[in-house]
Amino acid sequence: MLKPESIGGREMHRGRVIRVTTERLRYPNGCESDLDLVHHPGAAAVVPVDADGRVCLVRQYRLGIEDFLWEIPAGKLDAGEAPAACALRELREETGITAGRWTSLGLYIPAPGIFTELIHLFLAQELTVGAPAPDIDEDLELRWIDLDAAMDLVVRGDLSDGKTALGLLRARHRLRL
């Protein structure tokens, strides 16, 4: 299979975090098509697991679904920021947790048909809990739950956030190796 060739694009919107473009592609068969693309700087997400096998989840409001979600701590990459540095910063800001041991859990690709966002997943262990310092626009609730019980919630559909589900799955697998 051959990749289509990008033959042009135009910016449709520039926001605080994202940029939206319409891209014109020419396919190997000669057909051309316009596709909308949301450009995002990327993010990091952390599965913090304590010595008792519990994971810390964060509950916050998500406008896209007009409801609250329980998620693993996460946030967008700042310009030039390494994913591991973002993970450390977001974990500390959102939960007050610092970790002595970090393990990469790979990438989560939320919606590659329309988003450029890549979310870097991490497992954090050897935790020290302090006071959170969330951003001014974050109203967060924290909850500690057994990792296996959290996976049960994913399987039942009670935890439906994609990065959270995949992060928990990969963390549990990694911890059982």
N, C-alpha and C. Protein backbone atom coordinates (compact mmCIF):
# COMPACT_ATOMS: atom_id res chain seq x y z
N MET A 1 0.83 -1.18 0.00
CA MET A 1 0.00 0.00 0.00
C MET A 1 0.87 1.24 0.00
N LEU A 2 0.46 2.23 -0.75
CA LEU A 2 1.18 3.50 -0.78
C LEU A 2 0.40 4.56 -0.02
N LYS A 3 1.13 5.45 0.63
CA LYS A 3 0.50 6.54 1.36
C LYS A 3 0.01 7.60 0.38
N PRO A 4 -1.09 8.27 0.73
CA PRO A 4 -1.49 9.42 -0.08
C PRO A 4 -0.48 10.55 0.07
N GLU A 5 -0.46 11.43 -0.90
CA GLU A 5 0.44 12.58 -0.89
C GLU A 5 -0.33 13.83 -0.47
N SER A 6 0.25 14.58 0.46
CA SER A 6 -0.36 15.84 0.86
C SER A 6 -0.05 16.88 -0.21
N ILE A 7 -1.09 17.51 -0.76
CA ILE A 7 -0.87 18.48 -1.83
C ILE A 7 -1.35 19.88 -1.43
N GLY A 8 -1.60 20.07 -0.18
CA GLY A 8 -1.98 21.40 0.30
C GLY A 8 -2.82 21.33 1.55
N GLY A 9 -2.98 22.47 2.16
CA GLY A 9 -3.80 22.55 3.36
C GLY A 9 -4.01 24.00 3.74
N ARG A 10 -5.04 24.21 4.55
CA ARG A 10 -5.30 25.57 5.02
C ARG A 10 -5.78 25.51 6.46
N GLU A 11 -5.35 26.51 7.22
CA GLU A 11 -5.76 26.59 8.62
C GLU A 11 -7.18 27.14 8.71
N MET A 12 -8.01 26.44 9.48
CA MET A 12 -9.41 26.83 9.64
C MET A 12 -9.65 27.49 10.99
N HIS A 13 -8.84 27.10 11.99
CA HIS A 13 -9.03 27.63 13.35
C HIS A 13 -7.73 27.48 14.12
N ARG A 14 -7.43 28.48 14.95
CA ARG A 14 -6.30 28.39 15.88
C ARG A 14 -6.84 28.76 17.25
N GLY A 15 -6.77 27.78 18.17
CA GLY A 15 -7.29 27.99 19.52
C GLY A 15 -6.17 28.04 20.54
N ARG A 16 -6.56 27.98 21.80
CA ARG A 16 -5.61 28.03 22.90
C ARG A 16 -4.72 26.78 22.94
N VAL A 17 -5.28 25.63 22.61
CA VAL A 17 -4.54 24.38 22.67
C VAL A 17 -4.41 23.72 21.29
N ILE A 18 -5.45 23.79 20.50
CA ILE A 18 -5.47 23.07 19.22
C ILE A 18 -5.47 24.03 18.02
N ARG A 19 -5.17 23.42 16.87
CA ARG A 19 -5.25 24.10 15.59
C ARG A 19 -5.98 23.14 14.66
N VAL A 20 -6.90 23.65 13.84
CA VAL A 20 -7.66 22.81 12.92
C VAL A 20 -7.31 23.21 11.49
N THR A 21 -6.95 22.21 10.69
CA THR A 21 -6.65 22.45 9.28
C THR A 21 -7.51 21.55 8.41
N THR A 22 -7.69 21.95 7.17
CA THR A 22 -8.25 21.07 6.15
C THR A 22 -7.10 20.72 5.21
N GLU A 23 -6.82 19.44 5.09
CA GLU A 23 -5.70 18.95 4.30
C GLU A 23 -6.21 18.32 3.01
N ARG A 24 -5.56 18.63 1.90
CA ARG A 24 -5.90 18.04 0.61
C ARG A 24 -4.92 16.91 0.33
N LEU A 25 -5.44 15.71 0.12
CA LEU A 25 -4.62 14.54 -0.16
C LEU A 25 -4.89 14.01 -1.56
N ARG A 26 -3.82 13.53 -2.22
CA ARG A 26 -3.96 12.84 -3.50
C ARG A 26 -3.58 11.38 -3.25
N TYR A 27 -4.50 10.49 -3.55
CA TYR A 27 -4.30 9.06 -3.32
C TYR A 27 -3.59 8.43 -4.51
N PRO A 28 -2.95 7.27 -4.31
CA PRO A 28 -2.22 6.62 -5.40
C PRO A 28 -3.07 6.38 -6.66
N ASN A 29 -4.40 6.26 -6.49
CA ASN A 29 -5.26 6.04 -7.65
C ASN A 29 -5.61 7.34 -8.38
N GLY A 30 -5.05 8.47 -7.88
CA GLY A 30 -5.28 9.76 -8.54
C GLY A 30 -6.41 10.58 -7.94
N CYS A 31 -7.25 9.98 -7.12
CA CYS A 31 -8.36 10.72 -6.51
C CYS A 31 -7.80 11.69 -5.47
N GLU A 32 -8.50 12.81 -5.31
CA GLU A 32 -8.15 13.80 -4.30
C GLU A 32 -9.29 13.97 -3.32
N SER A 33 -8.93 14.28 -2.08
CA SER A 33 -9.93 14.41 -1.03
C SER A 33 -9.46 15.41 0.01
N ASP A 34 -10.41 16.14 0.62
CA ASP A 34 -10.12 17.05 1.72
C ASP A 34 -10.46 16.36 3.05
N LEU A 35 -9.54 16.44 3.99
CA LEU A 35 -9.75 15.87 5.31
C LEU A 35 -9.47 16.93 6.37
N ASP A 36 -10.31 16.98 7.39
CA ASP A 36 -10.08 17.90 8.51
C ASP A 36 -9.17 17.22 9.52
N LEU A 37 -8.26 18.00 10.10
CA LEU A 37 -7.29 17.47 11.03
C LEU A 37 -7.14 18.43 12.22
N VAL A 38 -7.23 17.87 13.43
CA VAL A 38 -7.04 18.65 14.65
C VAL A 38 -5.62 18.40 15.14
N HIS A 39 -4.82 19.46 15.19
CA HIS A 39 -3.42 19.37 15.63
C HIS A 39 -3.37 19.65 17.12
N HIS A 40 -2.77 18.73 17.86
CA HIS A 40 -2.67 18.82 19.32
C HIS A 40 -1.22 18.58 19.70
N PRO A 41 -0.68 19.30 20.72
CA PRO A 41 0.73 19.14 21.08
C PRO A 41 1.09 17.80 21.72
N GLY A 42 0.12 17.00 22.08
CA GLY A 42 0.39 15.73 22.74
C GLY A 42 0.23 15.86 24.24
N ALA A 43 0.30 14.73 24.92
CA ALA A 43 0.05 14.71 26.36
C ALA A 43 0.80 13.55 27.00
N ALA A 44 0.77 13.56 28.32
CA ALA A 44 1.30 12.44 29.10
C ALA A 44 0.25 12.07 30.14
N ALA A 45 0.16 10.79 30.44
CA ALA A 45 -0.79 10.28 31.43
C ALA A 45 -0.07 9.26 32.30
N VAL A 46 -0.46 9.22 33.58
CA VAL A 46 0.27 8.44 34.56
C VAL A 46 -0.67 7.51 35.32
N VAL A 47 -0.24 6.26 35.48
CA VAL A 47 -0.92 5.30 36.35
C VAL A 47 -0.07 5.21 37.62
N PRO A 48 -0.47 5.94 38.67
CA PRO A 48 0.29 5.89 39.92
C PRO A 48 -0.20 4.72 40.78
N VAL A 49 0.67 3.77 41.05
CA VAL A 49 0.30 2.58 41.82
C VAL A 49 1.14 2.55 43.09
N ASP A 50 0.45 2.50 44.25
CA ASP A 50 1.15 2.50 45.53
C ASP A 50 1.58 1.09 45.93
N ALA A 51 2.23 0.97 47.07
CA ALA A 51 2.76 -0.31 47.55
C ALA A 51 1.66 -1.32 47.86
N ASP A 52 0.42 -0.86 48.06
CA ASP A 52 -0.71 -1.75 48.33
C ASP A 52 -1.45 -2.15 47.06
N GLY A 53 -0.94 -1.75 45.88
CA GLY A 53 -1.58 -2.11 44.62
C GLY A 53 -2.78 -1.25 44.28
N ARG A 54 -2.85 -0.07 44.89
CA ARG A 54 -3.95 0.85 44.59
C ARG A 54 -3.49 1.90 43.59
N VAL A 55 -4.42 2.33 42.76
CA VAL A 55 -4.17 3.37 41.77
C VAL A 55 -4.94 4.63 42.17
N CYS A 56 -4.34 5.78 41.93
CA CYS A 56 -5.01 7.06 42.22
C CYS A 56 -5.67 7.56 40.95
N LEU A 57 -6.99 7.76 41.01
CA LEU A 57 -7.75 8.30 39.89
C LEU A 57 -8.19 9.72 40.21
N VAL A 58 -8.41 10.48 39.17
CA VAL A 58 -8.81 11.88 39.28
C VAL A 58 -10.17 12.04 38.60
N ARG A 59 -11.09 12.71 39.29
CA ARG A 59 -12.42 12.99 38.72
C ARG A 59 -12.47 14.46 38.35
N GLN A 60 -12.85 14.70 37.07
CA GLN A 60 -12.99 16.08 36.63
C GLN A 60 -14.04 16.20 35.54
N TYR A 61 -14.53 17.42 35.36
CA TYR A 61 -15.55 17.69 34.37
C TYR A 61 -14.92 17.72 32.98
N ARG A 62 -15.62 17.10 32.02
CA ARG A 62 -15.16 17.08 30.64
C ARG A 62 -16.27 17.63 29.76
N LEU A 63 -16.03 18.79 29.17
CA LEU A 63 -17.03 19.47 28.36
C LEU A 63 -17.52 18.62 27.19
N GLY A 64 -16.62 17.86 26.57
CA GLY A 64 -16.98 17.06 25.39
C GLY A 64 -18.12 16.09 25.63
N ILE A 65 -18.27 15.62 26.87
CA ILE A 65 -19.39 14.72 27.19
C ILE A 65 -20.35 15.35 28.18
N GLU A 66 -20.05 16.61 28.56
CA GLU A 66 -20.87 17.35 29.52
C GLU A 66 -21.14 16.57 30.80
N ASP A 67 -20.07 15.95 31.31
CA ASP A 67 -20.18 15.15 32.52
C ASP A 67 -18.80 14.99 33.15
N PHE A 68 -18.77 14.36 34.30
CA PHE A 68 -17.54 14.08 35.02
C PHE A 68 -17.01 12.71 34.61
N LEU A 69 -15.69 12.56 34.61
CA LEU A 69 -15.04 11.28 34.33
C LEU A 69 -13.99 11.01 35.39
N TRP A 70 -13.85 9.73 35.74
CA TRP A 70 -12.70 9.27 36.53
C TRP A 70 -11.62 8.89 35.54
N GLU A 71 -10.43 9.44 35.73
CA GLU A 71 -9.32 9.22 34.81
C GLU A 71 -8.02 9.06 35.57
N ILE A 72 -7.00 8.57 34.88
CA ILE A 72 -5.66 8.63 35.42
C ILE A 72 -5.18 10.08 35.26
N PRO A 73 -4.29 10.56 36.12
CA PRO A 73 -3.78 11.92 35.99
C PRO A 73 -3.10 12.12 34.63
N ALA A 74 -3.36 13.27 34.00
CA ALA A 74 -2.83 13.52 32.66
C ALA A 74 -2.85 15.00 32.36
N GLY A 75 -2.09 15.37 31.35
CA GLY A 75 -2.11 16.75 30.89
C GLY A 75 -1.31 16.92 29.62
N LYS A 76 -1.51 18.07 28.97
CA LYS A 76 -0.86 18.31 27.69
C LYS A 76 0.59 18.71 27.87
N LEU A 77 1.36 18.39 26.87
CA LEU A 77 2.77 18.77 26.83
C LEU A 77 2.89 20.27 26.61
N ASP A 78 3.75 20.91 27.37
CA ASP A 78 4.10 22.30 27.09
C ASP A 78 5.10 22.32 25.94
N ALA A 79 5.23 23.44 25.28
CA ALA A 79 6.15 23.56 24.14
C ALA A 79 7.55 23.12 24.53
N GLY A 80 8.10 22.17 23.79
CA GLY A 80 9.46 21.69 24.03
C GLY A 80 9.62 20.76 25.21
N GLU A 81 8.52 20.44 25.89
CA GLU A 81 8.59 19.60 27.10
C GLU A 81 8.66 18.12 26.73
N ALA A 82 9.53 17.39 27.40
CA ALA A 82 9.63 15.94 27.21
C ALA A 82 8.44 15.27 27.87
N PRO A 83 7.92 14.18 27.28
CA PRO A 83 6.77 13.49 27.87
C PRO A 83 6.99 13.06 29.32
N ALA A 84 8.17 12.59 29.66
CA ALA A 84 8.43 12.15 31.04
C ALA A 84 8.37 13.34 32.01
N ALA A 85 8.85 14.49 31.59
CA ALA A 85 8.79 15.69 32.43
C ALA A 85 7.33 16.14 32.61
N CYS A 86 6.56 16.04 31.56
CA CYS A 86 5.13 16.38 31.64
C CYS A 86 4.42 15.43 32.60
N ALA A 87 4.71 14.14 32.52
CA ALA A 87 4.09 13.15 33.40
C ALA A 87 4.39 13.47 34.87
N LEU A 88 5.64 13.75 35.16
CA LEU A 88 6.04 14.08 36.53
C LEU A 88 5.31 15.33 37.01
N ARG A 89 5.27 16.37 36.18
CA ARG A 89 4.62 17.64 36.53
C ARG A 89 3.13 17.46 36.76
N GLU A 90 2.45 16.77 35.85
CA GLU A 90 1.01 16.59 35.96
C GLU A 90 0.64 15.75 37.18
N LEU A 91 1.40 14.70 37.44
CA LEU A 91 1.12 13.86 38.62
C LEU A 91 1.22 14.69 39.89
N ARG A 92 2.27 15.48 40.00
CA ARG A 92 2.47 16.29 41.19
C ARG A 92 1.39 17.38 41.31
N GLU A 93 1.08 18.07 40.20
CA GLU A 93 0.07 19.14 40.24
C GLU A 93 -1.32 18.60 40.60
N GLU A 94 -1.74 17.55 39.90
CA GLU A 94 -3.11 17.06 40.06
C GLU A 94 -3.34 16.27 41.34
N THR A 95 -2.32 15.57 41.82
CA THR A 95 -2.53 14.66 42.95
C THR A 95 -1.63 14.94 44.15
N GLY A 96 -0.56 15.68 43.97
CA GLY A 96 0.42 15.88 45.03
C GLY A 96 1.40 14.72 45.16
N ILE A 97 1.32 13.77 44.25
CA ILE A 97 2.15 12.57 44.31
C ILE A 97 3.47 12.78 43.57
N THR A 98 4.55 12.31 44.18
CA THR A 98 5.83 12.17 43.49
C THR A 98 6.17 10.69 43.48
N ALA A 99 6.98 10.27 42.52
CA ALA A 99 7.30 8.85 42.38
C ALA A 99 8.80 8.65 42.27
N GLY A 100 9.27 7.58 42.88
CA GLY A 100 10.68 7.24 42.83
C GLY A 100 11.02 6.33 41.66
N ARG A 101 10.02 5.75 41.05
CA ARG A 101 10.25 4.79 39.95
C ARG A 101 9.25 5.05 38.84
N TRP A 102 9.76 5.21 37.62
CA TRP A 102 8.93 5.49 36.45
C TRP A 102 9.19 4.45 35.37
N THR A 103 8.11 4.01 34.71
CA THR A 103 8.22 3.04 33.61
C THR A 103 7.32 3.52 32.48
N SER A 104 7.87 3.55 31.27
CA SER A 104 7.05 3.90 30.11
C SER A 104 6.09 2.76 29.81
N LEU A 105 4.84 3.12 29.51
CA LEU A 105 3.83 2.13 29.10
C LEU A 105 3.45 2.32 27.63
N GLY A 106 4.25 3.07 26.90
CA GLY A 106 4.02 3.24 25.47
C GLY A 106 3.04 4.36 25.15
N LEU A 107 2.57 4.35 23.93
CA LEU A 107 1.68 5.40 23.42
C LEU A 107 0.23 4.96 23.40
N TYR A 108 -0.63 5.93 23.57
CA TYR A 108 -2.06 5.77 23.29
C TYR A 108 -2.38 6.78 22.19
N ILE A 109 -3.02 6.32 21.14
CA ILE A 109 -3.38 7.17 20.00
C ILE A 109 -4.90 7.29 19.99
N PRO A 110 -5.44 8.42 20.50
CA PRO A 110 -6.88 8.54 20.73
C PRO A 110 -7.77 8.44 19.49
N ALA A 111 -7.48 9.17 18.44
CA ALA A 111 -8.36 9.19 17.27
C ALA A 111 -7.55 9.58 16.04
N PRO A 112 -6.75 8.65 15.49
CA PRO A 112 -5.81 9.00 14.43
C PRO A 112 -6.46 9.45 13.11
N GLY A 113 -7.74 9.24 12.97
CA GLY A 113 -8.41 9.70 11.75
C GLY A 113 -8.63 11.20 11.73
N ILE A 114 -8.62 11.82 12.92
CA ILE A 114 -8.89 13.26 12.96
C ILE A 114 -7.96 14.05 13.87
N PHE A 115 -7.19 13.39 14.75
CA PHE A 115 -6.33 14.08 15.71
C PHE A 115 -4.87 13.69 15.51
N THR A 116 -3.95 14.64 15.75
CA THR A 116 -2.52 14.32 15.76
C THR A 116 -2.05 13.97 17.17
N GLU A 117 -2.92 14.08 18.16
CA GLU A 117 -2.53 13.87 19.55
C GLU A 117 -1.99 12.46 19.80
N LEU A 118 -0.85 12.42 20.48
CA LEU A 118 -0.28 11.18 21.00
C LEU A 118 -0.18 11.34 22.51
N ILE A 119 -0.64 10.34 23.25
CA ILE A 119 -0.57 10.39 24.70
C ILE A 119 0.46 9.36 25.17
N HIS A 120 1.47 9.84 25.87
CA HIS A 120 2.54 8.99 26.40
C HIS A 120 2.11 8.48 27.77
N LEU A 121 2.04 7.17 27.92
CA LEU A 121 1.57 6.55 29.16
C LEU A 121 2.76 6.13 30.03
N PHE A 122 2.60 6.34 31.34
CA PHE A 122 3.65 5.98 32.30
C PHE A 122 3.06 5.28 33.51
N LEU A 123 3.84 4.37 34.08
CA LEU A 123 3.56 3.77 35.37
C LEU A 123 4.45 4.45 36.39
N ALA A 124 3.87 4.93 37.48
CA ALA A 124 4.63 5.56 38.56
C ALA A 124 4.50 4.69 39.81
N GLN A 125 5.65 4.39 40.45
CA GLN A 125 5.68 3.57 41.65
C GLN A 125 6.59 4.22 42.69
N GLU A 126 6.65 3.61 43.86
CA GLU A 126 7.42 4.16 44.99
C GLU A 126 6.94 5.59 45.26
N LEU A 127 5.67 5.69 45.58
CA LEU A 127 4.98 6.97 45.67
C LEU A 127 5.14 7.64 47.03
N THR A 128 5.20 8.96 46.98
CA THR A 128 5.12 9.82 48.16
C THR A 128 3.97 10.78 47.90
N VAL A 129 3.03 10.85 48.84
CA VAL A 129 1.84 11.68 48.66
C VAL A 129 1.99 13.00 49.41
N GLY A 130 1.77 14.08 48.69
CA GLY A 130 1.80 15.42 49.26
C GLY A 130 0.51 16.15 48.91
N ALA A 131 0.54 17.45 48.97
CA ALA A 131 -0.64 18.26 48.67
C ALA A 131 -0.69 18.58 47.17
N PRO A 132 -1.86 18.37 46.54
CA PRO A 132 -2.00 18.73 45.13
C PRO A 132 -1.94 20.25 44.93
N ALA A 133 -1.61 20.65 43.71
CA ALA A 133 -1.58 22.07 43.33
C ALA A 133 -2.15 22.20 41.93
N PRO A 134 -3.45 21.90 41.77
CA PRO A 134 -4.04 21.91 40.42
C PRO A 134 -4.04 23.30 39.80
N ASP A 135 -4.10 23.32 38.46
CA ASP A 135 -4.25 24.57 37.73
C ASP A 135 -5.52 25.26 38.17
N ILE A 136 -5.59 26.56 37.95
CA ILE A 136 -6.74 27.36 38.41
C ILE A 136 -8.05 26.89 37.78
N ASP A 137 -7.99 26.31 36.58
CA ASP A 137 -9.21 25.85 35.90
C ASP A 137 -9.51 24.37 36.15
N GLU A 138 -8.84 23.76 37.11
CA GLU A 138 -9.06 22.35 37.43
C GLU A 138 -9.73 22.22 38.80
N ASP A 139 -10.89 21.59 38.81
CA ASP A 139 -11.59 21.26 40.05
C ASP A 139 -11.59 19.74 40.13
N LEU A 140 -10.70 19.17 40.93
CA LEU A 140 -10.43 17.74 40.91
C LEU A 140 -10.84 17.06 42.21
N GLU A 141 -11.24 15.81 42.08
CA GLU A 141 -11.49 14.93 43.22
C GLU A 141 -10.59 13.72 43.03
N LEU A 142 -9.95 13.25 44.10
CA LEU A 142 -9.06 12.10 44.02
C LEU A 142 -9.70 10.88 44.66
N ARG A 143 -9.34 9.71 44.14
CA ARG A 143 -9.86 8.45 44.67
C ARG A 143 -8.80 7.36 44.50
N TRP A 144 -8.52 6.65 45.57
CA TRP A 144 -7.61 5.50 45.51
C TRP A 144 -8.45 4.24 45.39
N ILE A 145 -8.09 3.36 44.45
CA ILE A 145 -8.84 2.14 44.23
C ILE A 145 -7.86 1.02 43.87
N ASP A 146 -8.15 -0.18 44.32
CA ASP A 146 -7.34 -1.34 43.98
C ASP A 146 -7.25 -1.47 42.45
N LEU A 147 -6.05 -1.73 41.94
CA LEU A 147 -5.84 -1.79 40.49
C LEU A 147 -6.75 -2.83 39.83
N ASP A 148 -6.90 -4.00 40.44
CA ASP A 148 -7.78 -5.02 39.87
C ASP A 148 -9.24 -4.56 39.87
N ALA A 149 -9.66 -3.87 40.94
CA ALA A 149 -11.03 -3.33 40.98
C ALA A 149 -11.23 -2.27 39.91
N ALA A 150 -10.19 -1.46 39.67
CA ALA A 150 -10.27 -0.46 38.60
C ALA A 150 -10.43 -1.14 37.25
N MET A 151 -9.70 -2.24 37.03
CA MET A 151 -9.84 -2.99 35.77
C MET A 151 -11.25 -3.56 35.63
N ASP A 152 -11.84 -4.02 36.73
CA ASP A 152 -13.22 -4.49 36.70
C ASP A 152 -14.17 -3.37 36.25
N LEU A 153 -13.92 -2.14 36.72
CA LEU A 153 -14.73 -1.00 36.31
C LEU A 153 -14.58 -0.72 34.81
N VAL A 154 -13.38 -0.91 34.30
CA VAL A 154 -13.16 -0.74 32.85
C VAL A 154 -13.97 -1.78 32.08
N VAL A 155 -13.88 -3.03 32.50
CA VAL A 155 -14.58 -4.13 31.81
C VAL A 155 -16.09 -3.93 31.87
N ARG A 156 -16.61 -3.44 32.99
CA ARG A 156 -18.06 -3.19 33.14
C ARG A 156 -18.53 -1.95 32.39
N GLY A 157 -17.58 -1.11 31.94
CA GLY A 157 -17.95 0.12 31.25
C GLY A 157 -18.13 1.31 32.16
N ASP A 158 -17.76 1.18 33.42
CA ASP A 158 -17.89 2.30 34.36
C ASP A 158 -16.71 3.27 34.29
N LEU A 159 -15.59 2.82 33.74
CA LEU A 159 -14.45 3.69 33.41
C LEU A 159 -14.29 3.62 31.90
N SER A 160 -14.73 4.64 31.20
CA SER A 160 -14.78 4.58 29.73
C SER A 160 -13.76 5.46 29.03
N ASP A 161 -12.96 6.20 29.76
CA ASP A 161 -11.93 7.03 29.15
C ASP A 161 -10.85 6.14 28.55
N GLY A 162 -10.52 6.33 27.29
CA GLY A 162 -9.60 5.45 26.58
C GLY A 162 -8.20 5.40 27.15
N LYS A 163 -7.62 6.56 27.46
CA LYS A 163 -6.25 6.56 28.00
C LYS A 163 -6.21 5.87 29.36
N THR A 164 -7.29 6.04 30.13
CA THR A 164 -7.36 5.42 31.45
C THR A 164 -7.45 3.90 31.32
N ALA A 165 -8.33 3.44 30.45
CA ALA A 165 -8.50 1.99 30.26
C ALA A 165 -7.20 1.34 29.78
N LEU A 166 -6.58 1.94 28.78
CA LEU A 166 -5.35 1.36 28.25
C LEU A 166 -4.20 1.47 29.25
N GLY A 167 -4.10 2.60 29.92
CA GLY A 167 -3.06 2.77 30.93
C GLY A 167 -3.19 1.75 32.06
N LEU A 168 -4.41 1.55 32.56
CA LEU A 168 -4.63 0.57 33.62
C LEU A 168 -4.30 -0.85 33.15
N LEU A 169 -4.72 -1.18 31.93
CA LEU A 169 -4.45 -2.52 31.37
C LEU A 169 -2.95 -2.76 31.26
N ARG A 170 -2.24 -1.80 30.68
CA ARG A 170 -0.80 -1.97 30.51
C ARG A 170 -0.07 -1.98 31.85
N ALA A 171 -0.51 -1.17 32.80
CA ALA A 171 0.13 -1.16 34.12
C ALA A 171 -0.06 -2.51 34.81
N ARG A 172 -1.28 -3.01 34.79
CA ARG A 172 -1.53 -4.31 35.45
C ARG A 172 -0.70 -5.40 34.80
N HIS A 173 -0.62 -5.40 33.47
CA HIS A 173 0.18 -6.40 32.77
C HIS A 173 1.66 -6.28 33.18
N ARG A 174 2.15 -5.06 33.20
CA ARG A 174 3.56 -4.81 33.55
C ARG A 174 3.87 -5.28 34.97
N LEU A 175 2.94 -5.02 35.88
CA LEU A 175 3.15 -5.39 37.29
C LEU A 175 3.08 -6.90 37.51
N ARG A 176 2.47 -7.61 36.60
CA ARG A 176 2.35 -9.07 36.73
C ARG A 176 3.47 -9.82 36.03
N LEU A 177 4.35 -9.13 35.31
CA LEU A 177 5.45 -9.80 34.58
C LEU A 177 6.42 -10.45 35.52
